[in-house]
Amino acid sequence: MLCNFRIYLVAVRFYQLCKRIYLPTHAKNQLLRAASSIGNNVGEGYGRIGARDKRRFYRIALGSVRECQTIFMQEEITDYVTEK
């Protein structure tokens, strides 16, 4: 079941934490789109039957992780995710 898939739960939590980060509007919008894409693609990949199809969605999710990393670097955020 998807709620037992750890990477999915981490992706959802990551998105929730990204919502708390203060950024300029354009960067915040892009970050939230990329962060939500991680969980969305992990979830969709999990539901696929074929290994090739699963990998495709997991690769897209990884690309979204890299996009978030790039936004953090561009905005000089060194403490990526903090609890407040």
PDB file of N, CA and C in Angstrom:
ATOM      1  N   MET A   1       0.840  -1.177   0.000  1.00  0.00           N
ATOM      2  CA  MET A   1       0.000   0.000   0.000  1.00  0.00           C
ATOM      3  C   MET A   1       0.890   1.246   0.000  1.00  0.00           C
ATOM      4  N   LEU A   2       0.428   2.278  -0.677  1.00  0.00           N
ATOM      5  CA  LEU A   2       1.208   3.500  -0.850  1.00  0.00           C
ATOM      6  C   LEU A   2       1.562   4.166   0.477  1.00  0.00           C
ATOM      7  N   CYS A   3       0.688   4.103   1.465  1.00  0.00           N
ATOM      8  CA  CYS A   3       0.978   4.760   2.748  1.00  0.00           C
ATOM      9  C   CYS A   3       2.101   4.057   3.507  1.00  0.00           C
ATOM     10  N   ASN A   4       2.526   2.887   3.061  1.00  0.00           N
ATOM     11  CA  ASN A   4       3.656   2.178   3.663  1.00  0.00           C
ATOM     12  C   ASN A   4       4.937   2.353   2.842  1.00  0.00           C
ATOM     13  N   PHE A   5       4.852   3.073   1.744  1.00  0.00           N
ATOM     14  CA  PHE A   5       5.991   3.281   0.862  1.00  0.00           C
ATOM     15  C   PHE A   5       6.766   4.487   1.392  1.00  0.00           C
ATOM     16  N   ARG A   6       7.893   4.234   2.018  1.00  0.00           N
ATOM     17  CA  ARG A   6       8.611   5.270   2.775  1.00  0.00           C
ATOM     18  C   ARG A   6       8.994   6.485   1.938  1.00  0.00           C
ATOM     19  N   ILE A   7       9.476   6.276   0.735  1.00  0.00           N
ATOM     20  CA  ILE A   7       9.901   7.422  -0.075  1.00  0.00           C
ATOM     21  C   ILE A   7       8.717   8.325  -0.412  1.00  0.00           C
ATOM     22  N   TYR A   8       7.552   7.741  -0.556  1.00  0.00           N
ATOM     23  CA  TYR A   8       6.346   8.530  -0.802  1.00  0.00           C
ATOM     24  C   TYR A   8       6.047   9.413   0.413  1.00  0.00           C
ATOM     25  N   LEU A   9       6.119   8.837   1.594  1.00  0.00           N
ATOM     26  CA  LEU A   9       5.861   9.595   2.821  1.00  0.00           C
ATOM     27  C   LEU A   9       6.893  10.710   3.013  1.00  0.00           C
ATOM     28  N   VAL A  10       8.145  10.421   2.686  1.00  0.00           N
ATOM     29  CA  VAL A  10       9.198  11.441   2.772  1.00  0.00           C
ATOM     30  C   VAL A  10       8.914  12.561   1.767  1.00  0.00           C
ATOM     31  N   ALA A  11       8.478  12.210   0.575  1.00  0.00           N
ATOM     32  CA  ALA A  11       8.180  13.216  -0.454  1.00  0.00           C
ATOM     33  C   ALA A  11       7.029  14.121  -0.018  1.00  0.00           C
ATOM     34  N   VAL A  12       6.017  13.545   0.583  1.00  0.00           N
ATOM     35  CA  VAL A  12       4.881  14.344   1.063  1.00  0.00           C
ATOM     36  C   VAL A  12       5.341  15.285   2.172  1.00  0.00           C
ATOM     37  N   ARG A  13       6.149  14.781   3.093  1.00  0.00           N
ATOM     38  CA  ARG A  13       6.661  15.616   4.188  1.00  0.00           C
ATOM     39  C   ARG A  13       7.577  16.726   3.652  1.00  0.00           C
ATOM     40  N   PHE A  14       8.393  16.396   2.671  1.00  0.00           N
ATOM     41  CA  PHE A  14       9.267  17.393   2.058  1.00  0.00           C
ATOM     42  C   PHE A  14       8.442  18.538   1.478  1.00  0.00           C
ATOM     43  N   TYR A  15       7.369  18.212   0.780  1.00  0.00           N
ATOM     44  CA  TYR A  15       6.493  19.242   0.221  1.00  0.00           C
ATOM     45  C   TYR A  15       5.920  20.123   1.327  1.00  0.00           C
ATOM     46  N   GLN A  16       5.452  19.497   2.400  1.00  0.00           N
ATOM     47  CA  GLN A  16       4.887  20.257   3.512  1.00  0.00           C
ATOM     48  C   GLN A  16       5.911  21.217   4.111  1.00  0.00           C
ATOM     49  N   LEU A  17       7.156  20.765   4.227  1.00  0.00           N
ATOM     50  CA  LEU A  17       8.209  21.628   4.772  1.00  0.00           C
ATOM     51  C   LEU A  17       8.588  22.745   3.798  1.00  0.00           C
ATOM     52  N   CYS A  18       8.560  22.443   2.503  1.00  0.00           N
ATOM     53  CA  CYS A  18       8.875  23.468   1.501  1.00  0.00           C
ATOM     54  C   CYS A  18       7.867  24.613   1.549  1.00  0.00           C
ATOM     55  N   LYS A  19       6.633  24.313   1.924  1.00  0.00           N
ATOM     56  CA  LYS A  19       5.623  25.367   2.014  1.00  0.00           C
ATOM     57  C   LYS A  19       5.989  26.407   3.060  1.00  0.00           C
ATOM     58  N   ARG A  20       6.821  26.044   4.034  1.00  0.00           N
ATOM     59  CA  ARG A  20       7.200  26.955   5.117  1.00  0.00           C
ATOM     60  C   ARG A  20       8.382  27.861   4.774  1.00  0.00           C
ATOM     61  N   ILE A  21       9.065  27.573   3.686  1.00  0.00           N
ATOM     62  CA  ILE A  21      10.255  28.341   3.331  1.00  0.00           C
ATOM     63  C   ILE A  21       9.851  29.661   2.690  1.00  0.00           C
ATOM     64  N   TYR A  22      10.466  30.736   3.153  1.00  0.00           N
ATOM     65  CA  TYR A  22      10.205  32.048   2.551  1.00  0.00           C
ATOM     66  C   TYR A  22      11.131  32.232   1.350  1.00  0.00           C
ATOM     67  N   LEU A  23      10.536  32.543   0.220  1.00  0.00           N
ATOM     68  CA  LEU A  23      11.267  32.814  -1.019  1.00  0.00           C
ATOM     69  C   LEU A  23      10.511  33.870  -1.806  1.00  0.00           C
ATOM     70  N   PRO A  24      11.177  34.518  -2.772  1.00  0.00           N
ATOM     71  CA  PRO A  24      10.438  35.386  -3.693  1.00  0.00           C
ATOM     72  C   PRO A  24       9.347  34.561  -4.393  1.00  0.00           C
ATOM     73  N   THR A  25       8.277  35.208  -4.753  1.00  0.00           N
ATOM     74  CA  THR A  25       7.102  34.513  -5.290  1.00  0.00           C
ATOM     75  C   THR A  25       7.440  33.571  -6.436  1.00  0.00           C
ATOM     76  N   HIS A  26       8.225  34.016  -7.410  1.00  0.00           N
ATOM     77  CA  HIS A  26       8.519  33.166  -8.564  1.00  0.00           C
ATOM     78  C   HIS A  26       9.278  31.908  -8.142  1.00  0.00           C
ATOM     79  N   ALA A  27      10.218  32.047  -7.217  1.00  0.00           N
ATOM     80  CA  ALA A  27      10.993  30.884  -6.761  1.00  0.00           C
ATOM     81  C   ALA A  27      10.138  29.956  -5.908  1.00  0.00           C
ATOM     82  N   LYS A  28       9.289  30.538  -5.064  1.00  0.00           N
ATOM     83  CA  LYS A  28       8.413  29.738  -4.200  1.00  0.00           C
ATOM     84  C   LYS A  28       7.448  28.909  -5.045  1.00  0.00           C
ATOM     85  N   ASN A  29       6.860  29.525  -6.062  1.00  0.00           N
ATOM     86  CA  ASN A  29       5.940  28.797  -6.941  1.00  0.00           C
ATOM     87  C   ASN A  29       6.648  27.639  -7.638  1.00  0.00           C
ATOM     88  N   GLN A  30       7.837  27.896  -8.148  1.00  0.00           N
ATOM     89  CA  GLN A  30       8.589  26.847  -8.836  1.00  0.00           C
ATOM     90  C   GLN A  30       8.977  25.739  -7.865  1.00  0.00           C
ATOM     91  N   LEU A  31       9.413  26.111  -6.663  1.00  0.00           N
ATOM     92  CA  LEU A  31       9.786  25.111  -5.663  1.00  0.00           C
ATOM     93  C   LEU A  31       8.599  24.230  -5.303  1.00  0.00           C
ATOM     94  N   LEU A  32       7.447  24.825  -5.083  1.00  0.00           N
ATOM     95  CA  LEU A  32       6.280  24.029  -4.706  1.00  0.00           C
ATOM     96  C   LEU A  32       5.814  23.121  -5.840  1.00  0.00           C
ATOM     97  N   ARG A  33       5.922  23.591  -7.075  1.00  0.00           N
ATOM     98  CA  ARG A  33       5.571  22.717  -8.207  1.00  0.00           C
ATOM     99  C   ARG A  33       6.525  21.535  -8.277  1.00  0.00           C
ATOM    100  N   ALA A  34       7.815  21.804  -8.134  1.00  0.00           N
ATOM    101  CA  ALA A  34       8.810  20.723  -8.207  1.00  0.00           C
ATOM    102  C   ALA A  34       8.660  19.772  -7.026  1.00  0.00           C
ATOM    103  N   ALA A  35       8.447  20.321  -5.824  1.00  0.00           N
ATOM    104  CA  ALA A  35       8.314  19.477  -4.626  1.00  0.00           C
ATOM    105  C   ALA A  35       7.073  18.604  -4.708  1.00  0.00           C
ATOM    106  N   SER A  36       5.979  19.139  -5.207  1.00  0.00           N
ATOM    107  CA  SER A  36       4.766  18.323  -5.326  1.00  0.00           C
ATOM    108  C   SER A  36       4.932  17.260  -6.415  1.00  0.00           C
ATOM    109  N   SER A  37       5.709  17.580  -7.431  1.00  0.00           N
ATOM    110  CA  SER A  37       5.954  16.633  -8.511  1.00  0.00           C
ATOM    111  C   SER A  37       6.685  15.383  -8.018  1.00  0.00           C
ATOM    112  N   ILE A  38       7.515  15.538  -7.001  1.00  0.00           N
ATOM    113  CA  ILE A  38       8.232  14.380  -6.462  1.00  0.00           C
ATOM    114  C   ILE A  38       7.232  13.344  -5.962  1.00  0.00           C
ATOM    115  N   GLY A  39       6.365  13.752  -5.051  1.00  0.00           N
ATOM    116  CA  GLY A  39       5.373  12.823  -4.502  1.00  0.00           C
ATOM    117  C   GLY A  39       4.387  12.324  -5.536  1.00  0.00           C
ATOM    118  N   ASN A  40       3.975  13.217  -6.430  1.00  0.00           N
ATOM    119  CA  ASN A  40       3.013  12.817  -7.461  1.00  0.00           C
ATOM    120  C   ASN A  40       3.584  11.731  -8.363  1.00  0.00           C
ATOM    121  N   ASN A  41       4.837  11.887  -8.767  1.00  0.00           N
ATOM    122  CA  ASN A  41       5.436  10.895  -9.665  1.00  0.00           C
ATOM    123  C   ASN A  41       5.808   9.604  -8.947  1.00  0.00           C
ATOM    124  N   VAL A  42       6.222   9.698  -7.700  1.00  0.00           N
ATOM    125  CA  VAL A  42       6.476   8.475  -6.919  1.00  0.00           C
ATOM    126  C   VAL A  42       5.166   7.710  -6.764  1.00  0.00           C
ATOM    127  N   GLY A  43       4.104   8.431  -6.438  1.00  0.00           N
ATOM    128  CA  GLY A  43       2.797   7.784  -6.284  1.00  0.00           C
ATOM    129  C   GLY A  43       2.306   7.147  -7.570  1.00  0.00           C
ATOM    130  N   GLU A  44       2.461   7.862  -8.668  1.00  0.00           N
ATOM    131  CA  GLU A  44       2.008   7.303  -9.950  1.00  0.00           C
ATOM    132  C   GLU A  44       2.876   6.125 -10.364  1.00  0.00           C
ATOM    133  N   GLY A  45       4.181   6.230 -10.166  1.00  0.00           N
ATOM    134  CA  GLY A  45       5.076   5.115 -10.491  1.00  0.00           C
ATOM    135  C   GLY A  45       4.763   3.879  -9.666  1.00  0.00           C
ATOM    136  N   TYR A  46       4.441   4.095  -8.402  1.00  0.00           N
ATOM    137  CA  TYR A  46       4.100   2.978  -7.514  1.00  0.00           C
ATOM    138  C   TYR A  46       2.896   2.194  -8.036  1.00  0.00           C
ATOM    139  N   GLY A  47       1.973   2.915  -8.665  1.00  0.00           N
ATOM    140  CA  GLY A  47       0.762   2.278  -9.169  1.00  0.00           C
ATOM    141  C   GLY A  47       0.920   1.578 -10.510  1.00  0.00           C
ATOM    142  N   ARG A  48       2.052   1.746 -11.146  1.00  0.00           N
ATOM    143  CA  ARG A  48       2.282   1.110 -12.446  1.00  0.00           C
ATOM    144  C   ARG A  48       2.715  -0.335 -12.273  1.00  0.00           C
ATOM    145  N   ILE A  49       2.353  -1.165 -13.216  1.00  0.00           N
ATOM    146  CA  ILE A  49       2.661  -2.593 -13.132  1.00  0.00           C
ATOM    147  C   ILE A  49       4.022  -2.910 -13.733  1.00  0.00           C
ATOM    148  N   GLY A  50       4.303  -2.381 -14.889  1.00  0.00           N
ATOM    149  CA  GLY A  50       5.557  -2.694 -15.577  1.00  0.00           C
ATOM    150  C   GLY A  50       6.756  -1.983 -14.971  1.00  0.00           C
ATOM    151  N   ALA A  51       7.869  -2.691 -14.890  1.00  0.00           N
ATOM    152  CA  ALA A  51       9.090  -2.129 -14.309  1.00  0.00           C
ATOM    153  C   ALA A  51       9.575  -0.924 -15.110  1.00  0.00           C
ATOM    154  N   ARG A  52       9.476  -0.995 -16.421  1.00  0.00           N
ATOM    155  CA  ARG A  52       9.940   0.115 -17.265  1.00  0.00           C
ATOM    156  C   ARG A  52       9.115   1.374 -17.007  1.00  0.00           C
ATOM    157  N   ASP A  53       7.811   1.201 -16.880  1.00  0.00           N
ATOM    158  CA  ASP A  53       6.916   2.321 -16.610  1.00  0.00           C
ATOM    159  C   ASP A  53       7.189   2.906 -15.220  1.00  0.00           C
ATOM    160  N   LYS A  54       7.390   2.038 -14.231  1.00  0.00           N
ATOM    161  CA  LYS A  54       7.724   2.493 -12.875  1.00  0.00           C
ATOM    162  C   LYS A  54       8.989   3.343 -12.896  1.00  0.00           C
ATOM    163  N   ARG A  55      10.030   2.834 -13.544  1.00  0.00           N
ATOM    164  CA  ARG A  55      11.307   3.552 -13.606  1.00  0.00           C
ATOM    165  C   ARG A  55      11.154   4.932 -14.232  1.00  0.00           C
ATOM    166  N   ARG A  56      10.313   5.006 -15.249  1.00  0.00           N
ATOM    167  CA  ARG A  56      10.086   6.291 -15.925  1.00  0.00           C
ATOM    168  C   ARG A  56       9.576   7.337 -14.932  1.00  0.00           C
ATOM    169  N   PHE A  57       8.591   6.988 -14.124  1.00  0.00           N
ATOM    170  CA  PHE A  57       8.040   7.939 -13.158  1.00  0.00           C
ATOM    171  C   PHE A  57       9.034   8.235 -12.033  1.00  0.00           C
ATOM    172  N   TYR A  58       9.777   7.232 -11.616  1.00  0.00           N
ATOM    173  CA  TYR A  58      10.778   7.457 -10.562  1.00  0.00           C
ATOM    174  C   TYR A  58      11.899   8.369 -11.060  1.00  0.00           C
ATOM    175  N   ARG A  59      12.247   8.253 -12.338  1.00  0.00           N
ATOM    176  CA  ARG A  59      13.260   9.154 -12.911  1.00  0.00           C
ATOM    177  C   ARG A  59      12.748  10.592 -12.968  1.00  0.00           C
ATOM    178  N   ILE A  60      11.484  10.750 -13.303  1.00  0.00           N
ATOM    179  CA  ILE A  60      10.889  12.088 -13.323  1.00  0.00           C
ATOM    180  C   ILE A  60      10.916  12.676 -11.917  1.00  0.00           C
ATOM    181  N   ALA A  61      10.592  11.846 -10.910  1.00  0.00           N
ATOM    182  CA  ALA A  61      10.628  12.302  -9.514  1.00  0.00           C
ATOM    183  C   ALA A  61      12.047  12.733  -9.135  1.00  0.00           C
ATOM    184  N   LEU A  62      13.043  11.974  -9.556  1.00  0.00           N
ATOM    185  CA  LEU A  62      14.426  12.331  -9.263  1.00  0.00           C
ATOM    186  C   LEU A  62      14.794  13.660  -9.930  1.00  0.00           C
ATOM    187  N   GLY A  63      14.309  13.875 -11.133  1.00  0.00           N
ATOM    188  CA  GLY A  63      14.535  15.155 -11.803  1.00  0.00           C
ATOM    189  C   GLY A  63      13.943  16.308 -11.007  1.00  0.00           C
ATOM    190  N   SER A  64      12.800  16.091 -10.394  1.00  0.00           N
ATOM    191  CA  SER A  64      12.177  17.127  -9.568  1.00  0.00           C
ATOM    192  C   SER A  64      12.976  17.371  -8.289  1.00  0.00           C
ATOM    193  N   VAL A  65      13.572  16.324  -7.741  1.00  0.00           N
ATOM    194  CA  VAL A  65      14.460  16.497  -6.585  1.00  0.00           C
ATOM    195  C   VAL A  65      15.620  17.403  -6.976  1.00  0.00           C
ATOM    196  N   ARG A  66      16.215  17.143  -8.126  1.00  0.00           N
ATOM    197  CA  ARG A  66      17.338  17.963  -8.606  1.00  0.00           C
ATOM    198  C   ARG A  66      16.902  19.407  -8.845  1.00  0.00           C
ATOM    199  N   GLU A  67      15.685  19.581  -9.319  1.00  0.00           N
ATOM    200  CA  GLU A  67      15.171  20.938  -9.536  1.00  0.00           C
ATOM    201  C   GLU A  67      15.059  21.675  -8.200  1.00  0.00           C
ATOM    202  N   CYS A  68      14.575  21.003  -7.173  1.00  0.00           N
ATOM    203  CA  CYS A  68      14.502  21.620  -5.840  1.00  0.00           C
ATOM    204  C   CYS A  68      15.894  21.981  -5.344  1.00  0.00           C
ATOM    205  N   GLN A  69      16.852  21.097  -5.546  1.00  0.00           N
ATOM    206  CA  GLN A  69      18.221  21.378  -5.131  1.00  0.00           C
ATOM    207  C   GLN A  69      18.755  22.632  -5.832  1.00  0.00           C
ATOM    208  N   THR A  70      18.455  22.753  -7.099  1.00  0.00           N
ATOM    209  CA  THR A  70      18.913  23.918  -7.859  1.00  0.00           C
ATOM    210  C   THR A  70      18.286  25.204  -7.328  1.00  0.00           C
ATOM    211  N   ILE A  71      17.011  25.164  -7.013  1.00  0.00           N
ATOM    212  CA  ILE A  71      16.349  26.346  -6.457  1.00  0.00           C
ATOM    213  C   ILE A  71      16.984  26.717  -5.126  1.00  0.00           C
ATOM    214  N   PHE A  72      17.277  25.719  -4.292  1.00  0.00           N
ATOM    215  CA  PHE A  72      17.936  25.997  -3.017  1.00  0.00           C
ATOM    216  C   PHE A  72      19.289  26.669  -3.241  1.00  0.00           C
ATOM    217  N   MET A  73      20.039  26.195  -4.214  1.00  0.00           N
ATOM    218  CA  MET A  73      21.347  26.792  -4.498  1.00  0.00           C
ATOM    219  C   MET A  73      21.192  28.217  -5.036  1.00  0.00           C
ATOM    220  N   GLN A  74      20.266  28.415  -5.952  1.00  0.00           N
ATOM    221  CA  GLN A  74      20.065  29.740  -6.534  1.00  0.00           C
ATOM    222  C   GLN A  74      19.642  30.757  -5.482  1.00  0.00           C
ATOM    223  N   GLU A  75      18.846  30.313  -4.532  1.00  0.00           N
ATOM    224  CA  GLU A  75      18.331  31.208  -3.496  1.00  0.00           C
ATOM    225  C   GLU A  75      19.205  31.200  -2.245  1.00  0.00           C
ATOM    226  N   GLU A  76      20.330  30.501  -2.326  1.00  0.00           N
ATOM    227  CA  GLU A  76      21.308  30.432  -1.240  1.00  0.00           C
ATOM    228  C   GLU A  76      20.706  29.911   0.060  1.00  0.00           C
ATOM    229  N   ILE A  77      19.907  28.867  -0.059  1.00  0.00           N
ATOM    230  CA  ILE A  77      19.349  28.196   1.113  1.00  0.00           C
ATOM    231  C   ILE A  77      20.263  27.019   1.406  1.00  0.00           C
ATOM    232  N   THR A  78      20.960  27.088   2.533  1.00  0.00           N
ATOM    233  CA  THR A  78      21.904  26.021   2.863  1.00  0.00           C
ATOM    234  C   THR A  78      21.313  25.035   3.858  1.00  0.00           C
ATOM    235  N   ASP A  79      20.360  25.473   4.651  1.00  0.00           N
ATOM    236  CA  ASP A  79      19.679  24.581   5.580  1.00  0.00           C
ATOM    237  C   ASP A  79      18.346  24.221   4.916  1.00  0.00           C
ATOM    238  N   TYR A  80      18.391  23.219   4.046  1.00  0.00           N
ATOM    239  CA  TYR A  80      17.267  22.937   3.146  1.00  0.00           C
ATOM    240  C   TYR A  80      15.931  22.826   3.846  1.00  0.00           C
ATOM    241  N   VAL A  81      15.831  21.947   4.814  1.00  0.00           N
ATOM    242  CA  VAL A  81      14.541  21.687   5.440  1.00  0.00           C
ATOM    243  C   VAL A  81      14.726  21.766   6.940  1.00  0.00           C
ATOM    244  N   THR A  82      14.014  22.696   7.540  1.00  0.00           N
ATOM    245  CA  THR A  82      14.087  22.835   8.989  1.00  0.00           C
ATOM    246  C   THR A  82      12.698  22.793   9.588  1.00  0.00           C
ATOM    247  N   GLU A  83      12.602  22.194  10.718  1.00  0.00           N
ATOM    248  CA  GLU A  83      11.342  22.168  11.462  1.00  0.00           C
ATOM    249  C   GLU A  83      11.227  23.477  12.227  1.00  0.00           C
ATOM    250  N   LYS A  84      10.053  24.080  12.223  1.00  0.00           N
ATOM    251  CA  LYS A  84       9.813  25.299  13.003  1.00  0.00           C
ATOM    252  C   LYS A  84       8.527  25.185  13.744  1.00  0.00           C
TER     253      LYS A  84
END
